[in-house]
Amino acid sequence: MTVRDEVTAFARLGPLPSEDDDSESGDEEFEERTRLLHAIESPVSDEEAQLLAKCFGVDNCFGLSWTLLHLVESTPSPVVTSEPEPGANPWLAMLWQRYQNSLSDQAN
């Protein structure tokens, strides 16, 4: 499957900005990121999810990180299947924990 243009456009911008960026250009970037993220329809392919997982920033980014998380989790396969290194992006650590929880749910 090919990566959709909407995913490429969003991923090209790299990690989400921090909530600490209160500059005017930061506001414009946030609006653009919001628009681009909401243009991506779920489910996403495994390849798209891998690209999108690289876009997590260090914080919530005013809710965009949660939207991104749910989009990444719409893929057929888990994105993070091995424990991230200590100090890894907290959103990747959360994806790992959620994957672990899904495994224990399946065992019950």
Protein backbone atom coordinates (compact mmCIF):
# COMPACT_ATOMS: atom_id res chain seq x y z
CA MET A 1 0.00 0.00 0.00
CA THR A 2 1.23 3.47 -0.74
CA VAL A 3 1.33 6.26 1.81
CA ARG A 4 -1.47 8.75 1.27
CA ASP A 5 -0.64 12.37 0.47
CA GLU A 6 -2.30 13.61 3.67
CA VAL A 7 -0.03 11.42 5.79
CA THR A 8 3.07 12.50 3.87
CA ALA A 9 2.14 16.18 4.24
CA PHE A 10 1.69 15.81 8.00
CA ALA A 11 4.78 13.64 8.55
CA ARG A 12 6.97 15.99 6.51
CA LEU A 13 6.62 18.59 9.29
CA GLY A 14 8.28 16.33 11.84
CA PRO A 15 7.50 16.18 15.56
CA LEU A 16 4.59 18.14 16.98
CA PRO A 17 5.58 21.44 18.59
CA SER A 18 5.62 21.88 22.34
CA GLU A 19 2.81 23.59 24.23
CA ASP A 20 5.54 25.91 25.55
CA ASP A 21 5.85 27.60 22.14
CA ASP A 22 3.64 30.66 22.50
CA SER A 23 5.05 32.54 19.52
CA GLU A 24 2.89 33.81 16.67
CA SER A 25 4.62 31.42 14.27
CA GLY A 26 3.92 28.64 16.79
CA ASP A 27 0.21 29.47 16.66
CA GLU A 28 0.25 29.33 12.87
CA GLU A 29 2.12 26.02 12.92
CA PHE A 30 -0.37 24.59 15.41
CA GLU A 31 -3.29 25.58 13.18
CA GLU A 32 -1.61 24.04 10.12
CA ARG A 33 -0.80 20.83 12.00
CA THR A 34 -4.38 20.62 13.27
CA ARG A 35 -5.74 21.00 9.75
CA LEU A 36 -3.36 18.41 8.31
CA LEU A 37 -3.91 15.89 11.11
CA HIS A 38 -7.68 16.09 10.83
CA ALA A 39 -7.43 15.53 7.07
CA ILE A 40 -6.10 12.00 7.66
CA GLU A 41 -8.88 9.44 7.74
CA SER A 42 -8.55 6.28 9.77
CA PRO A 43 -7.68 3.53 9.60
CA VAL A 44 -4.09 4.09 8.58
CA SER A 45 -1.84 1.47 7.06
CA ASP A 46 1.08 -0.03 8.98
CA GLU A 47 3.49 2.01 6.86
CA GLU A 48 1.54 5.21 7.52
CA ALA A 49 1.41 4.48 11.25
CA GLN A 50 5.20 4.09 11.32
CA LEU A 51 5.59 7.51 9.71
CA LEU A 52 3.04 9.13 12.00
CA ALA A 53 4.65 7.65 15.13
CA LYS A 54 7.74 9.75 14.36
CA CYS A 55 5.60 12.89 14.72
CA PHE A 56 5.01 12.73 18.46
CA GLY A 57 6.44 15.68 20.32
CA VAL A 58 7.38 15.90 23.97
CA ASP A 59 3.99 16.91 25.35
CA ASN A 60 0.26 16.92 24.64
CA CYS A 61 0.44 19.73 22.04
CA PHE A 62 -2.98 20.97 23.19
CA GLY A 63 -4.62 17.63 22.44
CA LEU A 64 -3.08 16.93 19.04
CA SER A 65 -0.90 14.18 20.49
CA TRP A 66 -4.00 12.28 21.63
CA THR A 67 -5.55 12.63 18.18
CA LEU A 68 -2.31 11.36 16.67
CA LEU A 69 -2.16 8.47 19.15
CA HIS A 70 -5.65 7.28 18.24
CA LEU A 71 -4.86 7.58 14.55
CA VAL A 72 -1.65 5.55 14.96
CA GLU A 73 -3.59 2.93 16.89
CA SER A 74 -6.09 2.56 14.03
CA THR A 75 -3.53 0.52 12.10
CA PRO A 76 -4.06 -3.26 11.86
CA SER A 77 -0.74 -4.00 13.60
CA PRO A 78 0.78 -2.50 16.75
CA VAL A 79 3.38 0.17 16.03
CA VAL A 80 5.56 -0.34 19.12
CA THR A 81 6.19 -4.00 19.89
CA SER A 82 9.42 -3.72 21.86
CA GLU A 83 10.10 -1.67 24.94
CA PRO A 84 11.50 1.77 24.11
CA GLU A 85 14.84 2.79 25.54
CA PRO A 86 14.81 4.73 28.83
CA GLY A 87 14.19 8.39 28.07
CA ALA A 88 12.40 7.62 24.79
CA ASN A 89 9.52 9.76 23.65
CA PRO A 90 6.73 9.44 26.25
CA TRP A 91 4.12 8.82 23.56
CA LEU A 92 6.07 5.85 22.22
CA ALA A 93 6.35 4.57 25.79
CA MET A 94 2.57 4.94 26.08
CA LEU A 95 2.06 3.00 22.84
CA TRP A 96 4.29 0.27 24.27
CA GLN A 97 2.29 0.17 27.51
CA ARG A 98 -1.00 0.06 25.64
CA TYR A 99 0.35 -2.80 23.51
CA GLN A 100 1.36 -4.67 26.69
CA ASN A 101 -2.11 -4.09 28.12
CA SER A 102 -3.71 -5.50 24.98
CA LEU A 103 -1.62 -8.65 25.33
CA SER A 104 -2.69 -9.16 28.94
CA ASP A 105 -6.33 -8.53 27.94
CA GLN A 106 -6.04 -11.28 25.32
CA ALA A 107 -4.60 -13.68 27.89
CA ASN A 108 -7.62 -13.24 30.18
